[in-house]
Amino acid sequence: NDSLHSGLFPSAFKSAIVKPLLKKTTLNPEILKNYRPVSNLSFLSKIL
């Protein structure tokens, strides 16, 4: 509620850890374009 009322998204929620995920298990893991970046975010940031 504090975030919504103030119009501010908490700074602590603005960080992401990006891990490359192979798009399909059958793709060659040596080719970088076969990956997609998935952002791991804090649980509370996703709830907000």
ModelCIF file with pLDDT and N, C-alpha, C, O atoms, coordinates in Angstrom:
data_MODEL
#
_entry.id   MODEL 
#
_entity.id                         1 
_entity.type                       polymer 
_entity.pdbx_number_of_molecules   1 
#
_entity_poly.entity_id                      1 
_entity_poly.type                           'polypeptide(L)' 
_entity_poly.nstd_linkage                   no 
_entity_poly.nstd_monomer                   no 
_entity_poly.pdbx_seq_one_letter_code       NDSLHSGLFPSAFKSAIVKPLLKKTTLNPEILKNYRPVSNLSFLSKIL 
_entity_poly.pdbx_seq_one_letter_code_can   NDSLHSGLFPSAFKSAIVKPLLKKTTLNPEILKNYRPVSNLSFLSKIL 
_entity_poly.pdbx_strand_id                 A 
#
loop_
_entity_poly_seq.entity_id 
_entity_poly_seq.num 
_entity_poly_seq.mon_id 
_entity_poly_seq.hetero 
1 1  ASN n 
1 2  ASP n 
1 3  SER n 
1 4  LEU n 
1 5  HIS n 
1 6  SER n 
1 7  GLY n 
1 8  LEU n 
1 9  PHE n 
1 10 PRO n 
1 11 SER n 
1 12 ALA n 
1 13 PHE n 
1 14 LYS n 
1 15 SER n 
1 16 ALA n 
1 17 ILE n 
1 18 VAL n 
1 19 LYS n 
1 20 PRO n 
1 21 LEU n 
1 22 LEU n 
1 23 LYS n 
1 24 LYS n 
1 25 THR n 
1 26 THR n 
1 27 LEU n 
1 28 ASN n 
1 29 PRO n 
1 30 GLU n 
1 31 ILE n 
1 32 LEU n 
1 33 LYS n 
1 34 ASN n 
1 35 TYR n 
1 36 ARG n 
1 37 PRO n 
1 38 VAL n 
1 39 SER n 
1 40 ASN n 
1 41 LEU n 
1 42 SER n 
1 43 PHE n 
1 44 LEU n 
1 45 SER n 
1 46 LYS n 
1 47 ILE n 
1 48 LEU n 
#
_struct_asym.id          A 
_struct_asym.entity_id   1 
#
loop_
_ma_qa_metric.id 
_ma_qa_metric.mode 
_ma_qa_metric.name 
_ma_qa_metric.software_group_id 
_ma_qa_metric.type 
1 global pLDDT . pLDDT 
2 local  pLDDT . pLDDT 
#
_ma_qa_metric_global.metric_id      1 
_ma_qa_metric_global.metric_value   90.92 
_ma_qa_metric_global.model_id       1 
_ma_qa_metric_global.ordinal_id     1 
#
loop_
_ma_qa_metric_local.label_asym_id 
_ma_qa_metric_local.label_comp_id 
_ma_qa_metric_local.label_seq_id 
_ma_qa_metric_local.metric_id 
_ma_qa_metric_local.metric_value 
_ma_qa_metric_local.model_id 
_ma_qa_metric_local.ordinal_id 
A ASN 1  2 96.00 1 1  
A ASP 2  2 96.00 1 2  
A SER 3  2 96.00 1 3  
A LEU 4  2 96.00 1 4  
A HIS 5  2 96.00 1 5  
A SER 6  2 96.00 1 6  
A GLY 7  2 96.00 1 7  
A LEU 8  2 96.00 1 8  
A PHE 9  2 96.00 1 9  
A PRO 10 2 95.00 1 10 
A SER 11 2 93.00 1 11 
A ALA 12 2 91.00 1 12 
A PHE 13 2 93.00 1 13 
A LYS 14 2 93.00 1 14 
A SER 15 2 92.00 1 15 
A ALA 16 2 92.00 1 16 
A ILE 17 2 92.00 1 17 
A VAL 18 2 90.00 1 18 
A LYS 19 2 88.00 1 19 
A PRO 20 2 88.00 1 20 
A LEU 21 2 88.00 1 21 
A LEU 22 2 90.00 1 22 
A LYS 23 2 87.00 1 23 
A LYS 24 2 88.00 1 24 
A THR 25 2 87.00 1 25 
A THR 26 2 90.00 1 26 
A LEU 27 2 91.00 1 27 
A ASN 28 2 92.00 1 28 
A PRO 29 2 89.00 1 29 
A GLU 30 2 89.00 1 30 
A ILE 31 2 91.00 1 31 
A LEU 32 2 87.00 1 32 
A LYS 33 2 86.00 1 33 
A ASN 34 2 89.00 1 34 
A TYR 35 2 87.00 1 35 
A ARG 36 2 84.00 1 36 
A PRO 37 2 82.00 1 37 
A VAL 38 2 84.00 1 38 
A SER 39 2 86.00 1 39 
A ASN 40 2 89.00 1 40 
A LEU 41 2 91.00 1 41 
A SER 42 2 91.00 1 42 
A PHE 43 2 91.00 1 43 
A LEU 44 2 92.00 1 44 
A SER 45 2 93.00 1 45 
A LYS 46 2 92.00 1 46 
A ILE 47 2 92.00 1 47 
A LEU 48 2 95.00 1 48 
#
loop_
_atom_site.group_PDB 
_atom_site.id 
_atom_site.type_symbol 
_atom_site.label_atom_id 
_atom_site.label_alt_id 
_atom_site.label_comp_id 
_atom_site.label_asym_id 
_atom_site.label_entity_id 
_atom_site.label_seq_id 
_atom_site.pdbx_PDB_ins_code 
_atom_site.Cartn_x 
_atom_site.Cartn_y 
_atom_site.Cartn_z 
_atom_site.occupancy 
_atom_site.B_iso_or_equiv 
_atom_site.pdbx_formal_charge 
_atom_site.auth_seq_id 
_atom_site.auth_comp_id 
_atom_site.auth_asym_id 
_atom_site.auth_atom_id 
_atom_site.pdbx_PDB_model_num 
ATOM 1   N N  . ASN A 1 1  ? 0.821  -1.217  0.000   1.00 96.00 ? 1  ASN A N  1 
ATOM 2   C CA . ASN A 1 1  ? 0.000  0.000   0.000   1.00 96.00 ? 1  ASN A CA 1 
ATOM 3   C C  . ASN A 1 1  ? 0.852  1.263   0.000   1.00 96.00 ? 1  ASN A C  1 
ATOM 4   O O  . ASN A 1 1  ? 0.529  2.234   -0.683  1.00 96.00 ? 1  ASN A O  1 
ATOM 5   N N  . ASP A 1 2  ? 1.940  1.249   0.766   1.00 96.00 ? 2  ASP A N  1 
ATOM 6   C CA . ASP A 1 2  ? 2.834  2.413   0.810   1.00 96.00 ? 2  ASP A CA 1 
ATOM 7   C C  . ASP A 1 2  ? 3.422  2.694   -0.576  1.00 96.00 ? 2  ASP A C  1 
ATOM 8   O O  . ASP A 1 2  ? 3.553  3.849   -0.981  1.00 96.00 ? 2  ASP A O  1 
ATOM 9   N N  . SER A 1 3  ? 3.772  1.629   -1.292  1.00 96.00 ? 3  SER A N  1 
ATOM 10  C CA . SER A 1 3  ? 4.318  1.789   -2.644  1.00 96.00 ? 3  SER A CA 1 
ATOM 11  C C  . SER A 1 3  ? 3.284  2.399   -3.586  1.00 96.00 ? 3  SER A C  1 
ATOM 12  O O  . SER A 1 3  ? 3.593  3.313   -4.350  1.00 96.00 ? 3  SER A O  1 
ATOM 13  N N  . LEU A 1 4  ? 2.061  1.889   -3.528  1.00 96.00 ? 4  LEU A N  1 
ATOM 14  C CA . LEU A 1 4  ? 1.008  2.369   -4.425  1.00 96.00 ? 4  LEU A CA 1 
ATOM 15  C C  . LEU A 1 4  ? 0.599  3.800   -4.096  1.00 96.00 ? 4  LEU A C  1 
ATOM 16  O O  . LEU A 1 4  ? 0.375  4.602   -5.002  1.00 96.00 ? 4  LEU A O  1 
ATOM 17  N N  . HIS A 1 5  ? 0.501  4.124   -2.827  1.00 96.00 ? 5  HIS A N  1 
ATOM 18  C CA . HIS A 1 5  ? 0.065  5.469   -2.418  1.00 96.00 ? 5  HIS A CA 1 
ATOM 19  C C  . HIS A 1 5  ? 1.138  6.527   -2.695  1.00 96.00 ? 5  HIS A C  1 
ATOM 20  O O  . HIS A 1 5  ? 0.818  7.677   -2.999  1.00 96.00 ? 5  HIS A O  1 
ATOM 21  N N  . SER A 1 6  ? 2.402  6.137   -2.590  1.00 96.00 ? 6  SER A N  1 
ATOM 22  C CA . SER A 1 6  ? 3.486  7.099   -2.793  1.00 96.00 ? 6  SER A CA 1 
ATOM 23  C C  . SER A 1 6  ? 3.901  7.225   -4.251  1.00 96.00 ? 6  SER A C  1 
ATOM 24  O O  . SER A 1 6  ? 4.549  8.200   -4.632  1.00 96.00 ? 6  SER A O  1 
ATOM 25  N N  . GLY A 1 7  ? 3.527  6.238   -5.074  1.00 96.00 ? 7  GLY A N  1 
ATOM 26  C CA . GLY A 1 7  ? 3.956  6.250   -6.474  1.00 96.00 ? 7  GLY A CA 1 
ATOM 27  C C  . GLY A 1 7  ? 5.414  5.872   -6.627  1.00 96.00 ? 7  GLY A C  1 
ATOM 28  O O  . GLY A 1 7  ? 6.053  6.243   -7.611  1.00 96.00 ? 7  GLY A O  1 
ATOM 29  N N  . LEU A 1 8  ? 5.950  5.130   -5.653  1.00 96.00 ? 8  LEU A N  1 
ATOM 30  C CA . LEU A 1 8  ? 7.360  4.730   -5.686  1.00 96.00 ? 8  LEU A CA 1 
ATOM 31  C C  . LEU A 1 8  ? 7.488  3.213   -5.618  1.00 96.00 ? 8  LEU A C  1 
ATOM 32  O O  . LEU A 1 8  ? 6.896  2.556   -4.762  1.00 96.00 ? 8  LEU A O  1 
ATOM 33  N N  . PHE A 1 9  ? 8.274  2.682   -6.539  1.00 96.00 ? 9  PHE A N  1 
ATOM 34  C CA . PHE A 1 9  ? 8.586  1.253   -6.510  1.00 96.00 ? 9  PHE A CA 1 
ATOM 35  C C  . PHE A 1 9  ? 9.855  1.099   -5.684  1.00 96.00 ? 9  PHE A C  1 
ATOM 36  O O  . PHE A 1 9  ? 10.860 1.731   -6.009  1.00 96.00 ? 9  PHE A O  1 
ATOM 37  N N  . PRO A 1 10 ? 9.854  0.276   -4.615  1.00 95.00 ? 10 PRO A N  1 
ATOM 38  C CA . PRO A 1 10 ? 11.006 0.179   -3.712  1.00 95.00 ? 10 PRO A CA 1 
ATOM 39  C C  . PRO A 1 10 ? 12.317 -0.129  -4.436  1.00 95.00 ? 10 PRO A C  1 
ATOM 40  O O  . PRO A 1 10 ? 12.372 -1.020  -5.284  1.00 95.00 ? 10 PRO A O  1 
ATOM 41  N N  . SER A 1 11 ? 13.357 0.606   -4.097  1.00 93.00 ? 11 SER A N  1 
ATOM 42  C CA . SER A 1 11 ? 14.671 0.411   -4.722  1.00 93.00 ? 11 SER A CA 1 
ATOM 43  C C  . SER A 1 11 ? 15.187 -1.005  -4.510  1.00 93.00 ? 11 SER A C  1 
ATOM 44  O O  . SER A 1 11 ? 15.872 -1.556  -5.372  1.00 93.00 ? 11 SER A O  1 
ATOM 45  N N  . ALA A 1 12 ? 14.860 -1.594  -3.368  1.00 91.00 ? 12 ALA A N  1 
ATOM 46  C CA . ALA A 1 12 ? 15.323 -2.954  -3.060  1.00 91.00 ? 12 ALA A CA 1 
ATOM 47  C C  . ALA A 1 12 ? 14.725 -3.987  -4.011  1.00 91.00 ? 12 ALA A C  1 
ATOM 48  O O  . ALA A 1 12 ? 15.241 -5.098  -4.130  1.00 91.00 ? 12 ALA A O  1 
ATOM 49  N N  . PHE A 1 13 ? 13.631 -3.619  -4.690  1.00 93.00 ? 13 PHE A N  1 
ATOM 50  C CA . PHE A 1 13 ? 12.972 -4.537  -5.608  1.00 93.00 ? 13 PHE A CA 1 
ATOM 51  C C  . PHE A 1 13 ? 13.452 -4.371  -7.044  1.00 93.00 ? 13 PHE A C  1 
ATOM 52  O O  . PHE A 1 13 ? 12.990 -5.093  -7.928  1.00 93.00 ? 13 PHE A O  1 
ATOM 53  N N  . LYS A 1 14 ? 14.363 -3.444  -7.298  1.00 93.00 ? 14 LYS A N  1 
ATOM 54  C CA . LYS A 1 14 ? 14.751 -3.114  -8.672  1.00 93.00 ? 14 LYS A CA 1 
ATOM 55  C C  . LYS A 1 14 ? 15.942 -3.909  -9.196  1.00 93.00 ? 14 LYS A C  1 
ATOM 56  O O  . LYS A 1 14 ? 16.430 -3.645  -10.295 1.00 93.00 ? 14 LYS A O  1 
ATOM 57  N N  . SER A 1 15 ? 16.404 -4.865  -8.426  1.00 92.00 ? 15 SER A N  1 
ATOM 58  C CA . SER A 1 15 ? 17.541 -5.682  -8.853  1.00 92.00 ? 15 SER A CA 1 
ATOM 59  C C  . SER A 1 15 ? 17.046 -6.994  -9.450  1.00 92.00 ? 15 SER A C  1 
ATOM 60  O O  . SER A 1 15 ? 16.023 -7.539  -9.034  1.00 92.00 ? 15 SER A O  1 
ATOM 61  N N  . ALA A 1 16 ? 17.790 -7.487  -10.427 1.00 92.00 ? 16 ALA A N  1 
ATOM 62  C CA . ALA A 1 16 ? 17.466 -8.774  -11.041 1.00 92.00 ? 16 ALA A CA 1 
ATOM 63  C C  . ALA A 1 16 ? 18.751 -9.556  -11.287 1.00 92.00 ? 16 ALA A C  1 
ATOM 64  O O  . ALA A 1 16 ? 19.789 -8.991  -11.630 1.00 92.00 ? 16 ALA A O  1 
ATOM 65  N N  . ILE A 1 17 ? 18.654 -10.845 -11.107 1.00 92.00 ? 17 ILE A N  1 
ATOM 66  C CA . ILE A 1 17 ? 19.763 -11.732 -11.464 1.00 92.00 ? 17 ILE A CA 1 
ATOM 67  C C  . ILE A 1 17 ? 19.341 -12.480 -12.719 1.00 92.00 ? 17 ILE A C  1 
ATOM 68  O O  . ILE A 1 17 ? 18.386 -13.257 -12.697 1.00 92.00 ? 17 ILE A O  1 
ATOM 69  N N  . VAL A 1 18 ? 20.056 -12.243 -13.810 1.00 90.00 ? 18 VAL A N  1 
ATOM 70  C CA . VAL A 1 18 ? 19.683 -12.805 -15.098 1.00 90.00 ? 18 VAL A CA 1 
ATOM 71  C C  . VAL A 1 18 ? 20.465 -14.093 -15.345 1.00 90.00 ? 18 VAL A C  1 
ATOM 72  O O  . VAL A 1 18 ? 21.694 -14.118 -15.288 1.00 90.00 ? 18 VAL A O  1 
ATOM 73  N N  . LYS A 1 19 ? 19.725 -15.147 -15.618 1.00 88.00 ? 19 LYS A N  1 
ATOM 74  C CA . LYS A 1 19 ? 20.354 -16.432 -15.927 1.00 88.00 ? 19 LYS A CA 1 
ATOM 75  C C  . LYS A 1 19 ? 19.908 -16.880 -17.317 1.00 88.00 ? 19 LYS A C  1 
ATOM 76  O O  . LYS A 1 19 ? 18.716 -16.869 -17.625 1.00 88.00 ? 19 LYS A O  1 
ATOM 77  N N  . PRO A 1 20 ? 20.869 -17.276 -18.157 1.00 88.00 ? 20 PRO A N  1 
ATOM 78  C CA . PRO A 1 20 ? 20.496 -17.739 -19.500 1.00 88.00 ? 20 PRO A CA 1 
ATOM 79  C C  . PRO A 1 20 ? 19.825 -19.102 -19.439 1.00 88.00 ? 20 PRO A C  1 
ATOM 80  O O  . PRO A 1 20 ? 20.319 -20.020 -18.785 1.00 88.00 ? 20 PRO A O  1 
ATOM 81  N N  . LEU A 1 21 ? 18.699 -19.224 -20.126 1.00 88.00 ? 21 LEU A N  1 
ATOM 82  C CA . LEU A 1 21 ? 17.943 -20.478 -20.145 1.00 88.00 ? 21 LEU A CA 1 
ATOM 83  C C  . LEU A 1 21 ? 17.827 -20.957 -21.583 1.00 88.00 ? 21 LEU A C  1 
ATOM 84  O O  . LEU A 1 21 ? 17.399 -20.209 -22.462 1.00 88.00 ? 21 LEU A O  1 
ATOM 85  N N  . LEU A 1 22 ? 18.209 -22.206 -21.818 1.00 90.00 ? 22 LEU A N  1 
ATOM 86  C CA . LEU A 1 22 ? 18.127 -22.768 -23.164 1.00 90.00 ? 22 LEU A CA 1 
ATOM 87  C C  . LEU A 1 22 ? 16.670 -22.804 -23.615 1.00 90.00 ? 22 LEU A C  1 
ATOM 88  O O  . LEU A 1 22 ? 15.808 -23.315 -22.901 1.00 90.00 ? 22 LEU A O  1 
ATOM 89  N N  . LYS A 1 23 ? 16.396 -22.257 -24.807 1.00 87.00 ? 23 LYS A N  1 
ATOM 90  C CA . LYS A 1 23 ? 15.019 -22.153 -25.277 1.00 87.00 ? 23 LYS A CA 1 
ATOM 91  C C  . LYS A 1 23 ? 14.362 -23.524 -25.423 1.00 87.00 ? 23 LYS A C  1 
ATOM 92  O O  . LYS A 1 23 ? 13.195 -23.705 -25.076 1.00 87.00 ? 23 LYS A O  1 
ATOM 93  N N  . LYS A 1 24 ? 15.126 -24.484 -25.940 1.00 88.00 ? 24 LYS A N  1 
ATOM 94  C CA . LYS A 1 24 ? 14.641 -25.858 -26.073 1.00 88.00 ? 24 LYS A CA 1 
ATOM 95  C C  . LYS A 1 24 ? 15.778 -26.802 -25.708 1.00 88.00 ? 24 LYS A C  1 
ATOM 96  O O  . LYS A 1 24 ? 16.942 -26.515 -25.988 1.00 88.00 ? 24 LYS A O  1 
ATOM 97  N N  . THR A 1 25 ? 15.448 -27.911 -25.093 1.00 87.00 ? 25 THR A N  1 
ATOM 98  C CA . THR A 1 25 ? 16.483 -28.859 -24.664 1.00 87.00 ? 25 THR A CA 1 
ATOM 99  C C  . THR A 1 25 ? 17.214 -29.481 -25.846 1.00 87.00 ? 25 THR A C  1 
ATOM 100 O O  . THR A 1 25 ? 18.323 -29.994 -25.695 1.00 87.00 ? 25 THR A O  1 
ATOM 101 N N  . THR A 1 26 ? 16.589 -29.436 -27.032 1.00 90.00 ? 26 THR A N  1 
ATOM 102 C CA . THR A 1 26 ? 17.207 -30.051 -28.212 1.00 90.00 ? 26 THR A CA 1 
ATOM 103 C C  . THR A 1 26 ? 18.199 -29.115 -28.909 1.00 90.00 ? 26 THR A C  1 
ATOM 104 O O  . THR A 1 26 ? 18.916 -29.541 -29.815 1.00 90.00 ? 26 THR A O  1 
ATOM 105 N N  . LEU A 1 27 ? 18.246 -27.852 -28.498 1.00 91.00 ? 27 LEU A N  1 
ATOM 106 C CA . LEU A 1 27 ? 19.136 -26.885 -29.138 1.00 91.00 ? 27 LEU A CA 1 
ATOM 107 C C  . LEU A 1 27 ? 20.573 -27.044 -28.659 1.00 91.00 ? 27 LEU A C  1 
ATOM 108 O O  . LEU A 1 27 ? 20.829 -27.546 -27.564 1.00 91.00 ? 27 LEU A O  1 
ATOM 109 N N  . ASN A 1 28 ? 21.504 -26.608 -29.500 1.00 92.00 ? 28 ASN A N  1 
ATOM 110 C CA . ASN A 1 28 ? 22.932 -26.689 -29.200 1.00 92.00 ? 28 ASN A CA 1 
ATOM 111 C C  . ASN A 1 28 ? 23.286 -25.676 -28.107 1.00 92.00 ? 28 ASN A C  1 
ATOM 112 O O  . ASN A 1 28 ? 23.143 -24.473 -28.325 1.00 92.00 ? 28 ASN A O  1 
ATOM 113 N N  . PRO A 1 29 ? 23.749 -26.137 -26.927 1.00 89.00 ? 29 PRO A N  1 
ATOM 114 C CA . PRO A 1 29 ? 24.076 -25.211 -25.836 1.00 89.00 ? 29 PRO A CA 1 
ATOM 115 C C  . PRO A 1 29 ? 25.318 -24.362 -26.105 1.00 89.00 ? 29 PRO A C  1 
ATOM 116 O O  . PRO A 1 29 ? 25.600 -23.428 -25.354 1.00 89.00 ? 29 PRO A O  1 
ATOM 117 N N  . GLU A 1 30 ? 26.061 -24.676 -27.167 1.00 89.00 ? 30 GLU A N  1 
ATOM 118 C CA . GLU A 1 30 ? 27.271 -23.914 -27.491 1.00 89.00 ? 30 GLU A CA 1 
ATOM 119 C C  . GLU A 1 30 ? 26.957 -22.629 -28.264 1.00 89.00 ? 30 GLU A C  1 
ATOM 120 O O  . GLU A 1 30 ? 27.808 -21.748 -28.388 1.00 89.00 ? 30 GLU A O  1 
ATOM 121 N N  . ILE A 1 31 ? 25.722 -22.531 -28.783 1.00 91.00 ? 31 ILE A N  1 
ATOM 122 C CA . ILE A 1 31 ? 25.323 -21.364 -29.587 1.00 91.00 ? 31 ILE A CA 1 
ATOM 123 C C  . ILE A 1 31 ? 24.540 -20.400 -28.693 1.00 91.00 ? 31 ILE A C  1 
ATOM 124 O O  . ILE A 1 31 ? 23.472 -20.744 -28.187 1.00 91.00 ? 31 ILE A O  1 
ATOM 125 N N  . LEU A 1 32 ? 25.079 -19.190 -28.502 1.00 87.00 ? 32 LEU A N  1 
ATOM 126 C CA . LEU A 1 32 ? 24.508 -18.244 -27.545 1.00 87.00 ? 32 LEU A CA 1 
ATOM 127 C C  . LEU A 1 32 ? 23.087 -17.821 -27.885 1.00 87.00 ? 32 LEU A C  1 
ATOM 128 O O  . LEU A 1 32 ? 22.284 -17.586 -26.983 1.00 87.00 ? 32 LEU A O  1 
ATOM 129 N N  . LYS A 1 33 ? 22.760 -17.721 -29.173 1.00 86.00 ? 33 LYS A N  1 
ATOM 130 C CA . LYS A 1 33 ? 21.421 -17.254 -29.546 1.00 86.00 ? 33 LYS A CA 1 
ATOM 131 C C  . LYS A 1 33 ? 20.327 -18.276 -29.204 1.00 86.00 ? 33 LYS A C  1 
ATOM 132 O O  . LYS A 1 33 ? 19.138 -17.977 -29.319 1.00 86.00 ? 33 LYS A O  1 
ATOM 133 N N  . ASN A 1 34 ? 20.729 -19.471 -28.788 1.00 89.00 ? 34 ASN A N  1 
ATOM 134 C CA . ASN A 1 34 ? 19.750 -20.478 -28.385 1.00 89.00 ? 34 ASN A CA 1 
ATOM 135 C C  . ASN A 1 34 ? 19.265 -20.283 -26.945 1.00 89.00 ? 34 ASN A C  1 
ATOM 136 O O  . ASN A 1 34 ? 18.435 -21.042 -26.444 1.00 89.00 ? 34 ASN A O  1 
ATOM 137 N N  . TYR A 1 35 ? 19.801 -19.251 -26.294 1.00 87.00 ? 35 TYR A N  1 
ATOM 138 C CA . TYR A 1 35 ? 19.414 -18.971 -24.916 1.00 87.00 ? 35 TYR A CA 1 
ATOM 139 C C  . TYR A 1 35 ? 18.502 -17.745 -24.855 1.00 87.00 ? 35 TYR A C  1 
ATOM 140 O O  . TYR A 1 35 ? 18.543 -16.876 -25.726 1.00 87.00 ? 35 TYR A O  1 
ATOM 141 N N  . ARG A 1 36 ? 17.692 -17.696 -23.822 1.00 84.00 ? 36 ARG A N  1 
ATOM 142 C CA . ARG A 1 36 ? 16.906 -16.496 -23.548 1.00 84.00 ? 36 ARG A CA 1 
ATOM 143 C C  . ARG A 1 36 ? 17.203 -16.057 -22.114 1.00 84.00 ? 36 ARG A C  1 
ATOM 144 O O  . ARG A 1 36 ? 17.358 -16.897 -21.226 1.00 84.00 ? 36 ARG A O  1 
ATOM 145 N N  . PRO A 1 37 ? 17.282 -14.750 -21.887 1.00 82.00 ? 37 PRO A N  1 
ATOM 146 C CA . PRO A 1 37 ? 17.596 -14.275 -20.535 1.00 82.00 ? 37 PRO A CA 1 
ATOM 147 C C  . PRO A 1 37 ? 16.345 -14.232 -19.654 1.00 82.00 ? 37 PRO A C  1 
ATOM 148 O O  . PRO A 1 37 ? 15.351 -13.597 -20.006 1.00 82.00 ? 37 PRO A O  1 
ATOM 149 N N  . VAL A 1 38 ? 16.405 -14.896 -18.535 1.00 84.00 ? 38 VAL A N  1 
ATOM 150 C CA . VAL A 1 38 ? 15.289 -14.883 -17.589 1.00 84.00 ? 38 VAL A CA 1 
ATOM 151 C C  . VAL A 1 38 ? 15.731 -14.161 -16.327 1.00 84.00 ? 38 VAL A C  1 
ATOM 152 O O  . VAL A 1 38 ? 16.749 -14.508 -15.728 1.00 84.00 ? 38 VAL A O  1 
ATOM 153 N N  . SER A 1 39 ? 14.971 -13.167 -15.930 1.00 86.00 ? 39 SER A N  1 
ATOM 154 C CA . SER A 1 39 ? 15.313 -12.375 -14.748 1.00 86.00 ? 39 SER A CA 1 
ATOM 155 C C  . SER A 1 39 ? 14.738 -13.006 -13.489 1.00 86.00 ? 39 SER A C  1 
ATOM 156 O O  . SER A 1 39 ? 13.525 -13.176 -13.363 1.00 86.00 ? 39 SER A O  1 
ATOM 157 N N  . ASN A 1 40 ? 15.615 -13.347 -12.567 1.00 89.00 ? 40 ASN A N  1 
ATOM 158 C CA . ASN A 1 40 ? 15.194 -13.827 -11.254 1.00 89.00 ? 40 ASN A CA 1 
ATOM 159 C C  . ASN A 1 40 ? 14.994 -12.614 -10.361 1.00 89.00 ? 40 ASN A C  1 
ATOM 160 O O  . ASN A 1 40 ? 15.923 -11.841 -10.125 1.00 89.00 ? 40 ASN A O  1 
ATOM 161 N N  . LEU A 1 41 ? 13.773 -12.456 -9.866  1.00 91.00 ? 41 LEU A N  1 
ATOM 162 C CA . LEU A 1 41 ? 13.400 -11.283 -9.073  1.00 91.00 ? 41 LEU A CA 1 
ATOM 163 C C  . LEU A 1 41 ? 12.993 -11.707 -7.671  1.00 91.00 ? 41 LEU A C  1 
ATOM 164 O O  . LEU A 1 41 ? 12.607 -12.855 -7.446  1.00 91.00 ? 41 LEU A O  1 
ATOM 165 N N  . SER A 1 42 ? 13.080 -10.787 -6.747  1.00 91.00 ? 42 SER A N  1 
ATOM 166 C CA . SER A 1 42 ? 12.666 -11.099 -5.380  1.00 91.00 ? 42 SER A CA 1 
ATOM 167 C C  . SER A 1 42 ? 11.172 -11.406 -5.344  1.00 91.00 ? 42 SER A C  1 
ATOM 168 O O  . SER A 1 42 ? 10.397 -10.863 -6.131  1.00 91.00 ? 42 SER A O  1 
ATOM 169 N N  . PHE A 1 43 ? 10.784 -12.273 -4.432  1.00 91.00 ? 43 PHE A N  1 
ATOM 170 C CA . PHE A 1 43 ? 9.403  -12.742 -4.340  1.00 91.00 ? 43 PHE A CA 1 
ATOM 171 C C  . PHE A 1 43 ? 8.431  -11.592 -4.116  1.00 91.00 ? 43 PHE A C  1 
ATOM 172 O O  . PHE A 1 43 ? 7.388  -11.521 -4.767  1.00 91.00 ? 43 PHE A O  1 
ATOM 173 N N  . LEU A 1 44 ? 8.767  -10.695 -3.201  1.00 92.00 ? 44 LEU A N  1 
ATOM 174 C CA . LEU A 1 44 ? 7.855  -9.586  -2.891  1.00 92.00 ? 44 LEU A CA 1 
ATOM 175 C C  . LEU A 1 44 ? 7.696  -8.623  -4.061  1.00 92.00 ? 44 LEU A C  1 
ATOM 176 O O  . LEU A 1 44 ? 6.627  -8.041  -4.244  1.00 92.00 ? 44 LEU A O  1 
ATOM 177 N N  . SER A 1 45 ? 8.758  -8.450  -4.859  1.00 93.00 ? 45 SER A N  1 
ATOM 178 C CA . SER A 1 45 ? 8.638  -7.562  -6.021  1.00 93.00 ? 45 SER A CA 1 
ATOM 179 C C  . SER A 1 45 ? 7.633  -8.130  -7.014  1.00 93.00 ? 45 SER A C  1 
ATOM 180 O O  . SER A 1 45 ? 6.883  -7.382  -7.641  1.00 93.00 ? 45 SER A O  1 
ATOM 181 N N  . LYS A 1 46 ? 7.617  -9.452  -7.157  1.00 92.00 ? 46 LYS A N  1 
ATOM 182 C CA . LYS A 1 46 ? 6.663  -10.078 -8.076  1.00 92.00 ? 46 LYS A CA 1 
ATOM 183 C C  . LYS A 1 46 ? 5.235  -10.011 -7.523  1.00 92.00 ? 46 LYS A C  1 
ATOM 184 O O  . LYS A 1 46 ? 4.274  -9.918  -8.287  1.00 92.00 ? 46 LYS A O  1 
ATOM 185 N N  . ILE A 1 47 ? 5.101  -10.058 -6.189  1.00 92.00 ? 47 ILE A N  1 
ATOM 186 C CA . ILE A 1 47 ? 3.770  -9.910  -5.584  1.00 92.00 ? 47 ILE A CA 1 
ATOM 187 C C  . ILE A 1 47 ? 3.235  -8.508  -5.845  1.00 92.00 ? 47 ILE A C  1 
ATOM 188 O O  . ILE A 1 47 ? 2.065  -8.336  -6.186  1.00 92.00 ? 47 ILE A O  1 
ATOM 189 N N  . LEU A 1 48 ? 4.098  -7.504  -5.682  1.00 95.00 ? 48 LEU A N  1 
ATOM 190 C CA . LEU A 1 48 ? 3.694  -6.120  -5.945  1.00 95.00 ? 48 LEU A CA 1 
ATOM 191 C C  . LEU A 1 48 ? 3.299  -5.954  -7.408  1.00 95.00 ? 48 LEU A C  1 
ATOM 192 O O  . LEU A 1 48 ? 2.929  -4.857  -7.826  1.00 95.00 ? 48 LEU A O  1 
#
